[in-house]
Amino acid sequence: MDTTQRSGTAHFHAAKQVALEYTTGFCTDSAAIDDELMERLTEHYESGEIVELTLVIGKSLSMGRFMQVLGLDQDCSLQSQLAQG
């Protein structure tokens, strides 16, 4: 089974598929991102775009972890306050 079938990205265009594969690798096992994956990224994206993609992935991942550690992902007190009126 190839990577696109395993990750459920077969319906995306090639550029999106490799970006999703890169994102998954970054979030699950960044040390496993190899030269071959980076080469495939450069076939679709310029170096500045890869830097921007990496920054967005890193910021999103760290924000999720930040919120999880502080328990902010469990309940939004603002929503409950608004519901109470």
Foldseek 3Di string as FASTA:
>chain_A
DDPCVVVVNVVPDQQVSLLVVCLVCVLPPVVPDDPVSVVSNVVPDPPVVVVVSVVVSVVVSVVVVVCVVVVVVPDDVVVVVVVVD
